Structure formats: C-alpha cells, structure tokens
Amino acid sequence: MHQITGSTAAEIADSIRALRERGLLNPGDALPPVRELAASLSVNRNTAVAAYRQLAQAGLVLSRGRAGTVITGAEAVAQEGLALDTVLRDIGSGNPDPAFIPDPTPALQRIVGRPVLYGEPVIDPALDAWAREWVQADLRRDDLRITITSGAVDAVERLLAQALMRDDAVALEDPCFLASIHTARLGGYRTIPVPVDAEGMTVEGLQAALEAGVRAIVCTPRAQNPTGASLSPARAAALRELLVEHPYVLVIEDDHFSALSQRPYESLIGPEHRRYALVRSVSKFLGPDMCLAVAATDPTTAERLAMRLSPGTTWVSHLLQRLALAQLQDAAVQSLFARAAEHYASKNRDFAEGLTVRGIPCEPGDGLNLWVVLPVPARVAAEHLMRRGWLARTGDEFRPDEATAPSHHLRLTVHDLDEDDTTALLDDLAAAVRR
C-alpha cells in the first residue's frame, strides 16, 4: 500500500485522494482497516473513521462493512433502450411502439406565439392549469404545487438531490427501473432494496427500509418496470399506514404509464404526508424525445425544485411545454392513447397465454413489458435465445444491490412482434427452458 499521510481527517482524506488521482490507488484497491491506519499514522481511531467518511461522502471510496473500504471507479450500469451494436433481434428494449406515438406536426402549427423571455414564469400557465387538474383528480391534495422537468428521470434525480446527501439511504424497488439504480449510484446514496410482488412494494420490505433510516422512497404505483406490478388498494393502504409515523420521508411516485395504464391509480401518499412527489412523464405516450414530466409536490419540495429550475439555466422549453399540451388536449391523440393501451395489454396477454400453454406459467402485468419467471437461471435461457437470434434482458440487470444468486427472470418487450415472430420466440423460449 502506498504511503498515506496526515494528522487530521482532512489531511488523511486529501492524501488518499491524491494517491487515487495519480493512479497509485485504483478502483477496487482496498484501504487499510481503520485501526491499522490510525496506528500507522499515530492518530485517534475516530480521526481515521472521519477521513474515510469524508471520502465516502465524496464518492471516492466505498465501505463494504467487514469486507473493508475500497477505492471506487466508474462502474458500468445497464441502460434502457435499443441495442444498436448487434445483429440480434432486440426483445428487451422497453420502448413504446412508434405506430402509437402521435405525429406532432399538426400540433406544431398551433403553438406558435410570442417568445418567452428571462424572468417569466418557468411553467406555461395553460400547462400548469391542465396538469393540476390531471393530478388532483387522483392525488386529491389541496397543497400540491406543479413543477415541469425534463422527463421523469430528471425529476427523480432533482427530487433526491434536494432531499439527500451522499451516503443517505433511499428505498428502491427490487427489482428496479434501471434509471433509478443509475441515479442512486451517481448521487452516492445507499440503496435499500424493497421487494416487489404482484401487489407492489411489500409491507415487510418497506418496514425494514424505514427501520434502516431511509430518507426517501422511490415507488412505481402501477406498471412497475420491470415487473408490470401495480399497487392494490389493500397494499397501498397498508403502506400508507406504515408511513403515518414517517411523514417527512420523501415519497416519490413515478407514474410513468399513467395515460396508458389499465389499472387504477393507488398511492403511498397519505392525506397528511408532508413530503411527497407524484411524477408523470409523457414519454410512453408522446414519445421518448418529448422530454417532459409533471411533478406534483408539497410546497416545500416545490420551492426547493424551483431553485434548481431557474430561467435561463435548466428550465423546460415553453415550446416543448406548449407542444405537449396541444397533443394532450387533442381528441384524436386521446383516441390513439386508448388504442395504444389496448394494444400493449392484448399483445402481452396473448404472449403470456402462449408461454403458459408451453409450460411456462406467466401472468401479464401492466405496461410495455412482460416479466417472465423461469425454472432455470435467466442467463442460461438468454444465452440459448442469443444462439437463436434473440437479445433478451435478464433480471440480474434490474437489481438495486449486488445480489449473488442468479436471477430466474427475463424482461421481454414483445408488443412489436408479428404473429410469426411471436410463435418463433415462444417456441425458442420453451426450448431454452427444456435444455
């Protein structure tokens, strides 16, 4: 181990940081145990602990409990979307069907108006009024405020940043949306996994997370990605009851599939909960390139978000806001949404029935994807599918922690397959399980 120097926590942290920057300490390298470092530097043990804590808060080291403290690196994280560097048929993209994304051209002709200047409200007044009515129909909170962000991922990142510091604990669903995992890692937050079953977050899992001291919870109330689970009324009520004793834990609900969902909206946000955010993006029904989301929050959270969304820096274009509103209010577009919702539901339902007939029981959830439980490790099945020309995503990618047991799940995006491809994939998956 290269020589670490210093007599104060700040000096010791700076020494380790310098060794890291010069490449003398590399990602994965273990640092000396606290007691050993304190003895070698003739400092109090608490001084060494404080030095490591400073480095952890800066994201430069990672504490692994009894396994020690190691230098961190830029870890690769799986991303949503098409795999463009492959000749395989991608059945794990998680993308909406382009045929059900409305053409914005007619709406573009209706949004021309005077330019917006610095100092004006960051939210288009018409969109603010529409969004407030849209959200209050479900959330029923008189104190909510509306903020517009550049999509749901942007909203969740900003919401966590205004509430948490590095090494704070945040509860994430297990399995979890890939972007939420990435956001938590980049922010340096400790993730506390909360298992998800067919009715959403489990009561036992959330109880354990609250006992672990989480300061924020990220939850998907319906069409959970990757499982397709939606909160049942009974489960939502039980989770709200747990949160009565924790009114200042920030509850973030990512209702990404709202306009297309086949399930009613159920919420963790109780009538007296003090810190909350309901986020609804438009990417699943207006297209991923429409980077816009509505965040309905309590007044305190709204004020903190506003400080990070000032005019001229990170506000959302008023042209984009007007374009989104023009489409959302269009009767023809709303009709397209209804057809899209039925398309995704029926395609997933038919594929699940095909799997069940072939001996792989599958229950379709809500959303764009199917979560398939296999009797064999998912990687084994995925490798077999790869040899048959398919690229699937295994459940291993959607874990918010470093689990060691292999996943037995595949997340499949099948709504864009024609009849022949559907039959071929069903047969190939059945063969993969038999092998």
Protein backbone atom coordinates (compact mmCIF):
# COMPACT_ATOMS: atom_id res chain seq x y z
CA MET A 1 0.00 0.00 0.00
CA HIS A 2 1.36 3.42 -0.95
CA GLN A 3 2.15 5.77 1.91
CA ILE A 4 -0.87 7.54 3.33
CA THR A 5 0.00 10.65 5.33
CA GLY A 6 -1.72 13.22 7.52
CA SER A 7 -2.56 14.00 11.12
CA THR A 8 -6.13 15.27 10.68
CA ALA A 9 -9.13 13.72 8.93
CA ALA A 10 -8.94 16.31 6.14
CA GLU A 11 -5.20 15.71 5.59
CA ILE A 12 -5.62 11.92 5.51
CA ALA A 13 -8.53 12.21 3.06
CA ASP A 14 -6.52 14.56 0.83
CA SER A 15 -3.59 12.13 0.86
CA ILE A 16 -5.75 9.20 -0.27
CA ARG A 17 -7.43 11.41 -2.86
CA ALA A 18 -4.03 12.44 -4.27
CA LEU A 19 -2.89 8.81 -4.48
CA ARG A 20 -6.11 7.99 -6.33
CA GLU A 21 -5.74 10.88 -8.78
CA ARG A 22 -2.14 9.92 -9.59
CA GLY A 23 -3.20 6.35 -10.33
CA LEU A 24 -1.31 4.92 -7.37
CA LEU A 25 -4.62 3.72 -5.95
CA ASN A 26 -7.03 2.19 -8.45
CA PRO A 27 -10.70 1.14 -8.40
CA GLY A 28 -11.10 -1.97 -6.28
CA ASP A 29 -7.93 -1.42 -4.22
CA ALA A 30 -8.53 -1.99 -0.52
CA LEU A 31 -7.58 0.68 2.01
CA PRO A 32 -6.07 -0.27 5.38
CA PRO A 33 -8.51 -1.12 8.16
CA VAL A 34 -9.32 1.90 10.32
CA ARG A 35 -7.46 0.60 13.36
CA GLU A 36 -4.35 -0.22 11.29
CA LEU A 37 -4.36 3.19 9.57
CA ALA A 38 -4.78 5.03 12.87
CA ALA A 39 -1.86 3.13 14.40
CA SER A 40 0.44 3.75 11.43
CA LEU A 41 -0.27 7.49 11.48
CA SER A 42 -0.35 7.78 15.30
CA VAL A 43 -3.81 9.35 15.25
CA ASN A 44 -7.02 8.61 17.09
CA ARG A 45 -9.21 5.91 15.54
CA ASN A 46 -12.07 8.42 15.19
CA THR A 47 -9.80 10.59 13.03
CA ALA A 48 -9.29 7.73 10.58
CA VAL A 49 -13.04 6.98 10.63
CA ALA A 50 -13.78 10.64 9.82
CA ALA A 51 -11.30 10.59 6.91
CA TYR A 52 -12.93 7.54 5.37
CA ARG A 53 -16.36 9.08 5.89
CA GLN A 54 -15.32 12.23 4.01
CA LEU A 55 -14.09 10.13 1.11
CA ALA A 56 -17.28 8.04 1.09
CA GLN A 57 -19.45 11.17 1.02
CA ALA A 58 -17.44 12.37 -1.98
CA GLY A 59 -17.99 9.03 -3.73
CA LEU A 60 -14.27 8.22 -3.81
CA VAL A 61 -14.39 5.12 -1.63
CA LEU A 62 -16.99 2.50 -0.77
CA SER A 63 -17.42 0.87 2.62
CA ARG A 64 -18.28 -2.82 2.41
CA GLY A 65 -18.64 -3.45 6.12
CA ARG A 66 -16.44 -6.30 7.29
CA ALA A 67 -15.06 -6.60 3.75
CA GLY A 68 -13.31 -3.26 4.27
CA THR A 69 -13.14 0.02 2.37
CA VAL A 70 -12.18 0.12 -1.33
CA ILE A 71 -11.46 2.73 -3.95
CA THR A 72 -14.44 3.28 -6.25
CA GLY A 73 -14.49 3.54 -10.02
CA ALA A 74 -16.89 4.32 -12.83
CA GLU A 75 -18.99 1.16 -12.81
CA ALA A 76 -20.94 0.29 -15.95
CA VAL A 77 -24.71 0.35 -15.45
CA ALA A 78 -27.23 -1.20 -17.80
CA GLN A 79 -29.30 1.35 -19.75
CA GLU A 80 -32.78 1.26 -21.21
CA GLY A 81 -33.30 1.32 -24.97
CA LEU A 82 -32.38 -0.45 -28.16
CA ALA A 83 -29.09 -2.31 -28.51
CA LEU A 84 -27.80 -0.85 -31.78
CA ASP A 85 -24.46 -2.68 -31.92
CA THR A 86 -25.92 -6.15 -32.52
CA VAL A 87 -27.42 -8.19 -35.34
CA LEU A 88 -29.76 -9.90 -32.87
CA ARG A 89 -33.47 -9.11 -32.62
CA ASP A 90 -33.81 -6.95 -29.51
CA ILE A 91 -36.68 -8.16 -27.31
CA GLY A 92 -35.64 -6.21 -24.22
CA SER A 93 -35.64 -2.58 -25.31
CA GLY A 94 -38.58 -1.38 -23.22
CA ASN A 95 -39.55 1.04 -25.99
CA PRO A 96 -43.09 2.08 -26.92
CA ASP A 97 -44.42 1.17 -30.37
CA PRO A 98 -43.69 4.02 -32.85
CA ALA A 99 -47.04 3.31 -34.54
CA PHE A 100 -48.80 4.57 -31.41
CA ILE A 101 -46.76 7.75 -30.91
CA PRO A 102 -48.68 10.73 -32.35
CA ASP A 103 -47.27 12.82 -35.18
CA PRO A 104 -46.54 16.26 -33.64
CA THR A 105 -46.75 18.10 -36.97
CA PRO A 106 -50.40 19.27 -36.66
CA ALA A 107 -49.79 20.44 -33.09
CA LEU A 108 -46.65 22.34 -34.09
CA GLN A 109 -48.73 24.58 -36.31
CA ARG A 110 -50.89 25.59 -33.34
CA ILE A 111 -48.26 26.52 -30.77
CA VAL A 112 -46.64 29.49 -32.49
CA GLY A 113 -46.76 32.56 -30.27
CA ARG A 114 -44.67 35.34 -28.83
CA PRO A 115 -41.22 34.42 -27.50
CA VAL A 116 -40.69 33.77 -23.79
CA LEU A 117 -38.04 35.92 -22.09
CA TYR A 118 -35.87 35.62 -19.00
CA GLY A 119 -37.73 36.33 -15.79
CA GLU A 120 -41.08 34.96 -16.96
CA PRO A 121 -42.72 32.00 -15.18
CA VAL A 122 -40.89 28.76 -15.94
CA ILE A 123 -44.18 26.88 -16.35
CA ASP A 124 -46.55 27.69 -19.18
CA PRO A 125 -49.77 28.85 -17.45
CA ALA A 126 -52.04 26.70 -19.62
CA LEU A 127 -49.98 23.56 -18.96
CA ASP A 128 -49.89 24.38 -15.26
CA ALA A 129 -53.69 24.54 -15.10
CA TRP A 130 -54.16 21.36 -17.14
CA ALA A 131 -51.54 19.41 -15.15
CA ARG A 132 -53.02 20.50 -11.83
CA GLU A 133 -56.45 19.19 -12.85
CA TRP A 134 -54.91 15.96 -14.21
CA VAL A 135 -53.04 15.19 -10.99
CA GLN A 136 -55.62 16.38 -8.45
CA ALA A 137 -58.20 14.02 -9.91
CA ASP A 138 -56.10 11.19 -8.42
CA LEU A 139 -53.91 12.63 -5.68
CA ARG A 140 -56.56 14.87 -4.05
CA ARG A 141 -54.15 17.16 -2.19
CA ASP A 142 -55.07 20.80 -1.76
CA ASP A 143 -51.46 21.81 -1.05
CA LEU A 144 -49.82 20.43 -4.20
CA ARG A 145 -47.66 22.54 -6.47
CA ILE A 146 -46.77 21.80 -10.11
CA THR A 147 -43.22 21.75 -11.46
CA ILE A 148 -42.21 20.82 -15.03
CA THR A 149 -38.99 18.87 -15.54
CA SER A 150 -37.11 17.32 -18.44
CA GLY A 151 -38.66 13.89 -18.03
CA ALA A 152 -39.24 11.55 -15.09
CA VAL A 153 -35.58 10.61 -14.61
CA ASP A 154 -34.66 14.30 -14.39
CA ALA A 155 -37.44 14.81 -11.85
CA VAL A 156 -36.37 11.89 -9.64
CA GLU A 157 -32.72 12.98 -9.76
CA ARG A 158 -33.57 16.55 -8.73
CA LEU A 159 -36.01 15.41 -6.06
CA LEU A 160 -33.40 13.17 -4.46
CA ALA A 161 -30.68 15.83 -4.76
CA GLN A 162 -32.75 18.44 -2.90
CA ALA A 163 -33.55 15.99 -0.08
CA LEU A 164 -30.44 13.80 0.33
CA MET A 165 -26.72 13.98 0.88
CA ARG A 166 -24.14 11.39 -0.12
CA ASP A 167 -24.44 8.15 1.86
CA ASP A 168 -28.06 8.90 2.80
CA ALA A 169 -30.33 5.88 2.41
CA VAL A 170 -33.01 5.67 -0.28
CA ALA A 171 -35.53 2.85 -0.71
CA LEU A 172 -35.70 1.43 -4.23
CA GLU A 173 -37.94 -1.32 -5.57
CA ASP A 174 -36.36 -4.74 -6.06
CA PRO A 175 -36.28 -5.40 -8.99
CA CYS A 176 -35.93 -1.79 -10.04
CA PHE A 177 -36.13 0.59 -13.01
CA LEU A 178 -32.61 0.86 -14.46
CA ALA A 179 -32.52 4.67 -14.41
CA SER A 180 -33.36 4.75 -10.70
CA ILE A 181 -30.43 2.44 -9.95
CA HIS A 182 -28.14 4.64 -12.02
CA THR A 183 -29.41 7.84 -10.36
CA ALA A 184 -28.83 6.48 -6.86
CA ARG A 185 -25.29 5.36 -7.71
CA LEU A 186 -24.34 8.67 -9.28
CA GLY A 187 -25.74 10.53 -6.28
CA GLY A 188 -23.73 8.41 -3.87
CA TYR A 189 -26.83 7.26 -1.98
CA ARG A 190 -27.12 3.98 -0.10
CA THR A 191 -29.84 1.89 -1.70
CA ILE A 192 -32.14 -0.17 0.49
CA PRO A 193 -33.95 -2.74 -1.71
CA VAL A 194 -37.68 -3.24 -1.06
CA PRO A 195 -39.04 -6.44 -2.65
CA VAL A 196 -41.91 -6.11 -5.14
CA ASP A 197 -44.60 -8.74 -5.60
CA ALA A 198 -47.79 -8.78 -7.69
CA GLU A 199 -49.32 -6.05 -5.49
CA GLY A 200 -46.34 -3.71 -5.45
CA MET A 201 -43.86 -2.92 -2.67
CA THR A 202 -44.16 -5.39 0.19
CA VAL A 203 -45.15 -4.18 3.65
CA GLU A 204 -42.31 -6.10 5.31
CA GLY A 205 -39.80 -4.67 2.85
CA LEU A 206 -40.85 -1.07 3.39
CA GLN A 207 -40.93 -1.58 7.16
CA ALA A 208 -37.34 -2.82 7.05
CA ALA A 209 -36.30 0.14 4.87
CA LEU A 210 -37.87 2.63 7.29
CA GLU A 211 -36.12 0.94 10.21
CA ALA A 212 -32.86 1.26 8.23
CA GLY A 213 -33.37 5.03 8.19
CA VAL A 214 -34.27 5.78 4.58
CA ARG A 215 -34.91 9.44 3.88
CA ALA A 216 -36.61 8.88 0.53
CA ILE A 217 -38.66 6.20 -1.21
CA VAL A 218 -38.95 5.79 -4.98
CA CYS A 219 -42.04 3.78 -5.90
CA THR A 220 -43.94 2.94 -9.09
CA PRO A 221 -47.68 2.83 -8.28
CA ARG A 222 -48.62 0.94 -11.47
CA ALA A 223 -46.96 -0.73 -14.47
CA GLN A 224 -43.81 -1.19 -12.41
CA ASN A 225 -40.72 -1.58 -14.55
CA PRO A 226 -39.64 -4.37 -14.96
CA THR A 227 -42.36 -6.50 -13.29
CA GLY A 228 -45.57 -4.80 -14.50
CA ALA A 229 -46.94 -4.89 -10.93
CA SER A 230 -49.46 -2.31 -9.71
CA LEU A 231 -50.35 -1.36 -6.16
CA SER A 232 -53.57 -2.99 -4.98
CA PRO A 233 -55.93 -0.91 -2.81
CA ALA A 234 -55.20 -3.11 0.22
CA ARG A 235 -51.42 -2.96 -0.26
CA ALA A 236 -51.46 0.82 -0.78
CA ALA A 237 -53.50 1.29 2.40
CA ALA A 238 -51.09 -0.89 4.41
CA LEU A 239 -48.07 1.03 3.11
CA ARG A 240 -49.70 4.38 3.88
CA GLU A 241 -50.34 3.16 7.42
CA LEU A 242 -46.62 2.44 7.81
CA LEU A 243 -45.75 5.93 6.62
CA VAL A 244 -48.02 7.69 9.12
CA GLU A 245 -45.12 7.57 11.60
CA HIS A 246 -42.67 8.89 8.97
CA PRO A 247 -44.36 11.99 7.47
CA TYR A 248 -41.08 13.67 6.47
CA VAL A 249 -39.67 10.74 4.48
CA LEU A 250 -39.85 11.91 0.86
CA VAL A 251 -42.18 9.64 -1.13
CA ILE A 252 -41.58 9.83 -4.90
CA GLU A 253 -44.13 8.05 -7.08
CA ASP A 254 -43.11 7.56 -10.71
CA ASP A 255 -46.43 7.05 -12.52
CA HIS A 256 -44.74 6.75 -15.91
CA PHE A 257 -47.51 4.76 -17.67
CA SER A 258 -50.40 6.91 -16.43
CA ALA A 259 -52.30 7.70 -19.65
CA LEU A 260 -51.93 4.13 -20.93
CA SER A 261 -52.42 2.16 -17.75
CA GLN A 262 -55.12 -0.48 -17.46
CA ARG A 263 -55.06 -0.21 -13.66
CA PRO A 264 -56.47 2.44 -11.30
CA TYR A 265 -54.02 4.75 -9.54
CA GLU A 266 -53.27 3.77 -5.94
CA SER A 267 -50.87 5.80 -3.81
CA LEU A 268 -48.44 5.63 -0.91
CA ILE A 269 -49.03 9.33 -0.29
CA GLY A 270 -51.43 9.73 2.63
CA PRO A 271 -53.57 12.83 3.26
CA GLU A 272 -51.23 14.09 6.00
CA HIS A 273 -47.87 13.09 4.49
CA ARG A 274 -45.60 16.14 4.47
CA ARG A 275 -43.00 15.41 1.78
CA TYR A 276 -44.19 13.87 -1.47
CA ALA A 277 -43.92 13.98 -5.26
CA LEU A 278 -46.10 12.39 -7.93
CA VAL A 279 -44.20 12.36 -11.24
CA ARG A 280 -45.92 11.76 -14.56
CA SER A 281 -43.88 11.87 -17.74
CA VAL A 282 -45.23 11.84 -21.31
CA SER A 283 -42.52 9.66 -22.89
CA LYS A 284 -44.53 6.43 -23.04
CA PHE A 285 -47.41 8.01 -24.98
CA LEU A 286 -45.96 11.12 -26.70
CA GLY A 287 -42.56 9.51 -27.32
CA PRO A 288 -39.15 9.36 -25.56
CA ASP A 289 -37.99 12.50 -27.38
CA MET A 290 -40.68 14.55 -25.61
CA CYS A 291 -38.52 15.09 -22.53
CA LEU A 292 -41.17 16.48 -20.24
CA ALA A 293 -42.70 15.42 -16.93
CA VAL A 294 -45.16 16.89 -14.46
CA ALA A 295 -44.05 16.78 -10.81
CA ALA A 296 -46.82 17.43 -8.28
CA THR A 297 -45.22 18.09 -4.89
CA ASP A 298 -45.76 19.60 -1.49
CA PRO A 299 -44.95 23.35 -1.23
CA THR A 300 -41.55 22.89 0.46
CA THR A 301 -40.34 20.45 -2.16
CA ALA A 302 -41.70 22.71 -4.92
CA GLU A 303 -39.70 25.66 -3.59
CA ARG A 304 -36.51 23.62 -3.49
CA LEU A 305 -37.08 22.34 -7.02
CA ALA A 306 -37.74 25.87 -8.25
CA MET A 307 -34.27 26.93 -7.09
CA ARG A 308 -32.81 24.28 -9.42
CA LEU A 309 -35.05 25.18 -12.38
CA SER A 310 -34.44 28.91 -12.69
CA PRO A 311 -34.95 30.69 -16.06
CA GLY A 312 -32.00 30.58 -18.40
CA THR A 313 -30.40 27.53 -16.78
CA THR A 314 -32.41 24.33 -16.57
CA TRP A 315 -35.99 25.29 -17.30
CA VAL A 316 -38.02 23.26 -19.79
CA SER A 317 -38.62 24.96 -23.15
CA HIS A 318 -42.01 26.65 -23.39
CA LEU A 319 -42.23 25.45 -26.98
CA LEU A 320 -41.95 21.89 -25.70
CA GLN A 321 -44.50 22.59 -22.97
CA ARG A 322 -46.99 24.03 -25.47
CA LEU A 323 -46.40 21.17 -27.89
CA ALA A 324 -47.08 18.59 -25.18
CA LEU A 325 -50.25 20.35 -24.06
CA ALA A 326 -51.56 20.75 -27.61
CA GLN A 327 -51.25 16.99 -28.13
CA LEU A 328 -52.60 16.01 -24.72
CA GLN A 329 -55.75 18.06 -25.32
CA ASP A 330 -56.30 16.75 -28.86
CA ALA A 331 -59.25 14.34 -29.17
CA ALA A 332 -57.56 12.36 -31.94
CA VAL A 333 -54.44 11.90 -29.82
CA GLN A 334 -56.51 10.79 -26.85
CA SER A 335 -58.18 8.21 -29.08
CA LEU A 336 -54.73 7.00 -30.13
CA PHE A 337 -53.80 6.62 -26.45
CA ALA A 338 -56.82 4.37 -25.92
CA ARG A 339 -55.83 2.16 -28.86
CA ALA A 340 -52.23 2.06 -27.66
CA ALA A 341 -53.26 0.97 -24.17
CA GLU A 342 -55.34 -1.88 -25.58
CA HIS A 343 -52.55 -2.86 -28.00
CA TYR A 344 -49.92 -3.24 -25.27
CA ALA A 345 -52.30 -5.08 -22.95
CA SER A 346 -53.55 -7.51 -25.59
CA LYS A 347 -50.10 -8.30 -27.02
CA ASN A 348 -48.70 -9.00 -23.56
CA ARG A 349 -51.75 -11.04 -22.61
CA ASP A 350 -51.53 -13.18 -25.76
CA PHE A 351 -47.82 -13.81 -25.28
CA ALA A 352 -48.34 -14.76 -21.63
CA GLU A 353 -51.03 -17.23 -22.67
CA GLY A 354 -48.66 -18.70 -25.26
CA LEU A 355 -45.99 -19.19 -22.60
CA THR A 356 -48.47 -20.82 -20.23
CA VAL A 357 -49.57 -23.28 -22.92
CA ARG A 358 -45.90 -24.21 -23.40
CA GLY A 359 -45.42 -24.96 -19.71
CA ILE A 360 -44.04 -21.60 -18.56
CA PRO A 361 -46.79 -20.03 -16.39
CA CYS A 362 -46.90 -16.26 -16.89
CA GLU A 363 -49.24 -13.56 -15.62
CA PRO A 364 -49.21 -10.33 -17.65
CA GLY A 365 -48.92 -7.17 -15.61
CA ASP A 366 -49.41 -3.60 -16.80
CA GLY A 367 -47.01 -1.67 -19.00
CA LEU A 368 -44.80 -2.21 -22.03
CA ASN A 369 -43.02 -5.37 -20.85
CA LEU A 370 -43.55 -8.91 -19.61
CA TRP A 371 -41.78 -10.26 -16.52
CA VAL A 372 -41.27 -13.98 -17.12
CA VAL A 373 -40.39 -16.38 -14.30
CA LEU A 374 -38.26 -19.32 -15.47
CA PRO A 375 -37.43 -22.67 -13.86
CA VAL A 376 -33.80 -22.18 -14.94
CA PRO A 377 -31.31 -19.33 -14.42
CA ALA A 378 -32.20 -16.47 -16.74
CA ARG A 379 -28.69 -16.20 -18.16
CA VAL A 380 -28.88 -19.81 -19.34
CA ALA A 381 -32.13 -19.09 -21.18
CA ALA A 382 -30.81 -15.78 -22.55
CA GLU A 383 -27.72 -17.49 -23.97
CA HIS A 384 -29.87 -20.08 -25.71
CA LEU A 385 -32.10 -17.33 -27.14
CA MET A 386 -29.00 -15.49 -28.33
CA ARG A 387 -27.96 -18.51 -30.36
CA ARG A 388 -31.41 -18.40 -31.97
CA GLY A 389 -31.09 -14.71 -32.87
CA TRP A 390 -32.80 -13.02 -29.88
CA LEU A 391 -31.40 -10.47 -27.41
CA ALA A 392 -33.22 -10.59 -24.06
CA ARG A 393 -32.67 -8.83 -20.74
CA THR A 394 -32.21 -10.91 -17.61
CA GLY A 395 -33.47 -9.94 -14.20
CA ASP A 396 -29.88 -9.60 -12.96
CA GLU A 397 -29.70 -6.13 -14.54
CA PHE A 398 -32.63 -4.79 -12.51
CA ARG A 399 -31.26 -5.44 -9.04
CA PRO A 400 -30.52 -2.36 -6.94
CA ASP A 401 -27.94 -4.21 -4.82
CA GLU A 402 -25.11 -6.63 -5.52
CA ALA A 403 -27.06 -9.88 -5.29
CA THR A 404 -25.08 -13.06 -5.87
CA ALA A 405 -27.83 -15.61 -6.61
CA PRO A 406 -28.66 -15.81 -10.33
CA SER A 407 -31.99 -14.33 -11.41
CA HIS A 408 -34.69 -16.60 -12.83
CA HIS A 409 -36.49 -13.76 -14.65
CA LEU A 410 -36.48 -12.29 -18.15
CA ARG A 411 -37.93 -8.91 -19.05
CA LEU A 412 -39.35 -9.15 -22.56
CA THR A 413 -40.68 -6.42 -24.86
CA VAL A 414 -42.93 -8.31 -27.30
CA HIS A 415 -45.65 -5.87 -28.33
CA ASP A 416 -43.98 -5.12 -31.68
CA LEU A 417 -43.63 -8.77 -32.81
CA ASP A 418 -45.79 -10.04 -35.68
CA GLU A 419 -47.55 -13.40 -35.47
CA ASP A 420 -44.70 -15.43 -36.99
CA ASP A 421 -42.03 -13.85 -34.78
CA THR A 422 -44.23 -14.29 -31.72
CA THR A 423 -44.61 -18.01 -32.38
CA ALA A 424 -40.89 -18.40 -33.06
CA LEU A 425 -39.93 -16.65 -29.83
CA LEU A 426 -42.41 -18.67 -27.79
CA ASP A 427 -41.04 -21.91 -29.20
CA ASP A 428 -37.42 -20.84 -28.72
CA LEU A 429 -38.05 -19.82 -25.11
CA ALA A 430 -39.78 -23.13 -24.37
CA ALA A 431 -36.81 -24.95 -25.88
CA ALA A 432 -34.40 -22.87 -23.77
CA VAL A 433 -36.21 -23.94 -20.62
CA ARG A 434 -36.23 -27.60 -21.65
CA ARG A 435 -32.46 -27.51 -22.22
